[in-house]
């Protein structure tokens, strides 16, 4: 299990029961949108508001403790910050997986073709996951 309190302290974030619960849910599920987090946290904190979830998630994104993953045509999902990676999204079931790819060739190509200075790379690949492929056979 993850030591949520210690992690929050490392990022200079106040340790609250709600933040600990957010970290634990994201650790358990990997990627979740605000609505999914809200439903899970309601089980532990029946009086928690959606505004509290937004406030805490935004504070954690600001400190680069959480990453917001923007997936076209769906709500943003959040994940614990980790080394740079891309995402695979199943267009059938919505499953999201992390994938580590070397983007240096892409960055070099962009530098050759543009004077644009790249600060961040967010790549989302969509397709059909193995489970959904096997269901259609």
Protein backbone atom coordinates (compact mmCIF):
# COMPACT_ATOMS: atom_id res chain seq x y z
CA UNK A 1 0.00 0.00 0.00
CA UNK A 2 1.06 3.56 -0.61
CA UNK A 3 1.92 5.92 2.25
CA UNK A 4 -0.42 8.72 1.19
CA UNK A 5 0.35 11.01 4.14
CA UNK A 6 4.09 10.90 3.50
CA UNK A 7 3.62 11.56 -0.21
CA UNK A 8 1.36 14.54 0.43
CA UNK A 9 3.90 15.99 2.88
CA UNK A 10 6.71 15.56 0.31
CA UNK A 11 4.74 17.83 -2.04
CA UNK A 12 4.01 20.34 0.74
CA UNK A 13 0.33 19.49 0.67
CA UNK A 14 -1.71 19.53 3.85
CA UNK A 15 -2.65 16.01 4.90
CA UNK A 16 -6.42 15.70 5.23
CA UNK A 17 -8.59 12.56 5.29
CA UNK A 18 -10.12 13.59 1.95
CA UNK A 19 -6.74 14.02 0.26
CA UNK A 20 -5.50 10.72 1.66
CA UNK A 21 -8.63 9.05 0.26
CA UNK A 22 -8.11 10.68 -3.18
CA UNK A 23 -4.52 9.43 -3.30
CA UNK A 24 -5.55 5.92 -2.24
CA UNK A 25 -8.32 5.72 -4.87
CA UNK A 26 -6.02 6.94 -7.65
CA UNK A 27 -3.33 4.52 -6.52
CA UNK A 28 -5.86 1.69 -6.60
CA UNK A 29 -7.56 2.58 -9.90
CA UNK A 30 -4.81 4.40 -11.81
CA UNK A 31 -6.97 6.90 -13.68
CA UNK A 32 -10.25 8.42 -12.51
CA UNK A 33 -12.38 11.38 -13.44
CA UNK A 34 -13.87 13.74 -10.85
CA UNK A 35 -17.27 12.02 -10.90
CA UNK A 36 -15.71 8.61 -10.24
CA UNK A 37 -13.65 10.04 -7.38
CA UNK A 38 -16.73 11.71 -5.95
CA UNK A 39 -18.73 8.45 -5.98
CA UNK A 40 -15.90 6.57 -4.24
CA UNK A 41 -15.30 9.27 -1.65
CA UNK A 42 -19.01 9.56 -0.86
CA UNK A 43 -18.79 6.00 0.49
CA UNK A 44 -16.19 7.13 3.06
CA UNK A 45 -17.37 10.72 3.57
CA UNK A 46 -21.16 10.91 3.07
CA UNK A 47 -21.23 14.70 3.49
CA UNK A 48 -18.36 15.48 1.08
CA UNK A 49 -19.21 17.92 -1.69
CA UNK A 50 -18.21 17.84 -5.33
CA UNK A 51 -16.65 21.29 -4.78
CA UNK A 52 -14.34 19.78 -2.13
CA UNK A 53 -13.17 17.13 -4.60
CA UNK A 54 -12.48 19.78 -7.26
CA UNK A 55 -10.67 22.02 -4.78
CA UNK A 56 -8.42 19.21 -3.55
CA UNK A 57 -7.70 17.78 -6.99
CA UNK A 58 -6.87 21.24 -8.36
CA UNK A 59 -4.51 21.90 -5.43
CA UNK A 60 -2.76 18.58 -6.08
CA UNK A 61 -2.48 19.26 -9.83
CA UNK A 62 -1.05 22.71 -9.06
CA UNK A 63 1.70 21.11 -6.94
CA UNK A 64 2.33 18.56 -9.74
CA UNK A 65 1.33 15.78 -7.37
CA UNK A 66 -1.45 14.71 -9.75
CA UNK A 67 -1.51 14.87 -13.53
CA UNK A 68 -4.59 15.76 -15.52
CA UNK A 69 -4.93 13.51 -18.56
CA UNK A 70 -7.01 15.13 -21.28
CA UNK A 71 -8.65 12.55 -23.48
CA UNK A 72 -10.54 13.76 -26.56
CA UNK A 73 -14.34 13.58 -26.36
CA UNK A 74 -14.43 12.59 -22.67
CA UNK A 75 -13.91 14.05 -19.22
CA UNK A 76 -10.36 14.58 -18.02
CA UNK A 77 -9.00 11.88 -15.77
CA UNK A 78 -6.41 12.26 -13.05
CA UNK A 79 -3.48 10.10 -12.04
CA UNK A 80 -0.66 10.24 -9.54
CA UNK A 81 2.31 12.06 -11.07
CA UNK A 82 5.05 9.76 -12.32
CA UNK A 83 7.70 9.67 -15.00
CA UNK A 84 6.69 10.88 -18.45
CA UNK A 85 4.48 8.48 -20.35
CA UNK A 86 1.66 8.33 -22.87
CA UNK A 87 -1.75 6.73 -22.69
CA UNK A 88 -3.68 4.04 -24.54
CA UNK A 89 -7.47 4.43 -24.44
CA UNK A 90 -9.89 1.73 -25.51
CA UNK A 91 -12.56 3.29 -27.72
CA UNK A 92 -14.90 0.43 -26.84
CA UNK A 93 -14.79 0.11 -23.03
CA UNK A 94 -12.88 3.28 -22.07
CA UNK A 95 -10.03 1.46 -20.31
CA UNK A 96 -6.90 3.61 -19.95
CA UNK A 97 -3.37 2.19 -19.82
CA UNK A 98 -0.01 3.89 -19.41
CA UNK A 99 2.65 3.26 -22.03
CA UNK A 100 6.25 4.42 -21.90
CA UNK A 101 7.46 5.50 -25.32
CA UNK A 102 10.53 7.41 -26.44
CA UNK A 103 9.32 10.73 -27.83
CA UNK A 104 12.82 12.05 -28.61
CA UNK A 105 12.53 11.25 -32.34
CA UNK A 106 9.23 13.12 -32.46
CA UNK A 107 10.73 16.07 -30.57
CA UNK A 108 13.71 16.16 -32.95
CA UNK A 109 11.38 16.10 -35.94
CA UNK A 110 9.39 19.01 -34.54
CA UNK A 111 12.59 21.01 -33.91
CA UNK A 112 13.61 20.48 -37.56
CA UNK A 113 10.24 21.63 -38.89
CA UNK A 114 9.35 24.40 -36.45
CA UNK A 115 10.87 27.01 -34.18
CA UNK A 116 8.28 26.06 -31.57
CA UNK A 117 9.85 25.15 -28.22
CA UNK A 118 8.22 22.01 -26.81
CA UNK A 119 7.60 22.14 -23.06
CA UNK A 120 5.34 19.15 -22.61
CA UNK A 121 4.22 16.13 -24.61
CA UNK A 122 0.80 14.55 -24.00
CA UNK A 123 0.05 11.69 -26.36
CA UNK A 124 -3.15 9.66 -26.21
CA UNK A 125 -3.54 6.69 -28.54
CA UNK A 126 -7.01 5.25 -29.06
CA UNK A 127 -7.84 1.76 -30.21
CA UNK A 128 -9.35 -1.49 -28.98
CA UNK A 129 -7.92 -3.21 -25.89
CA UNK A 130 -7.17 -6.93 -25.82
CA UNK A 131 -10.28 -7.74 -23.74
CA UNK A 132 -12.59 -6.02 -26.20
CA UNK A 133 -10.80 -7.62 -29.15
CA UNK A 134 -11.33 -11.06 -27.59
CA UNK A 135 -15.04 -10.35 -26.95
CA UNK A 136 -15.64 -9.69 -30.65
CA UNK A 137 -14.12 -13.00 -31.74
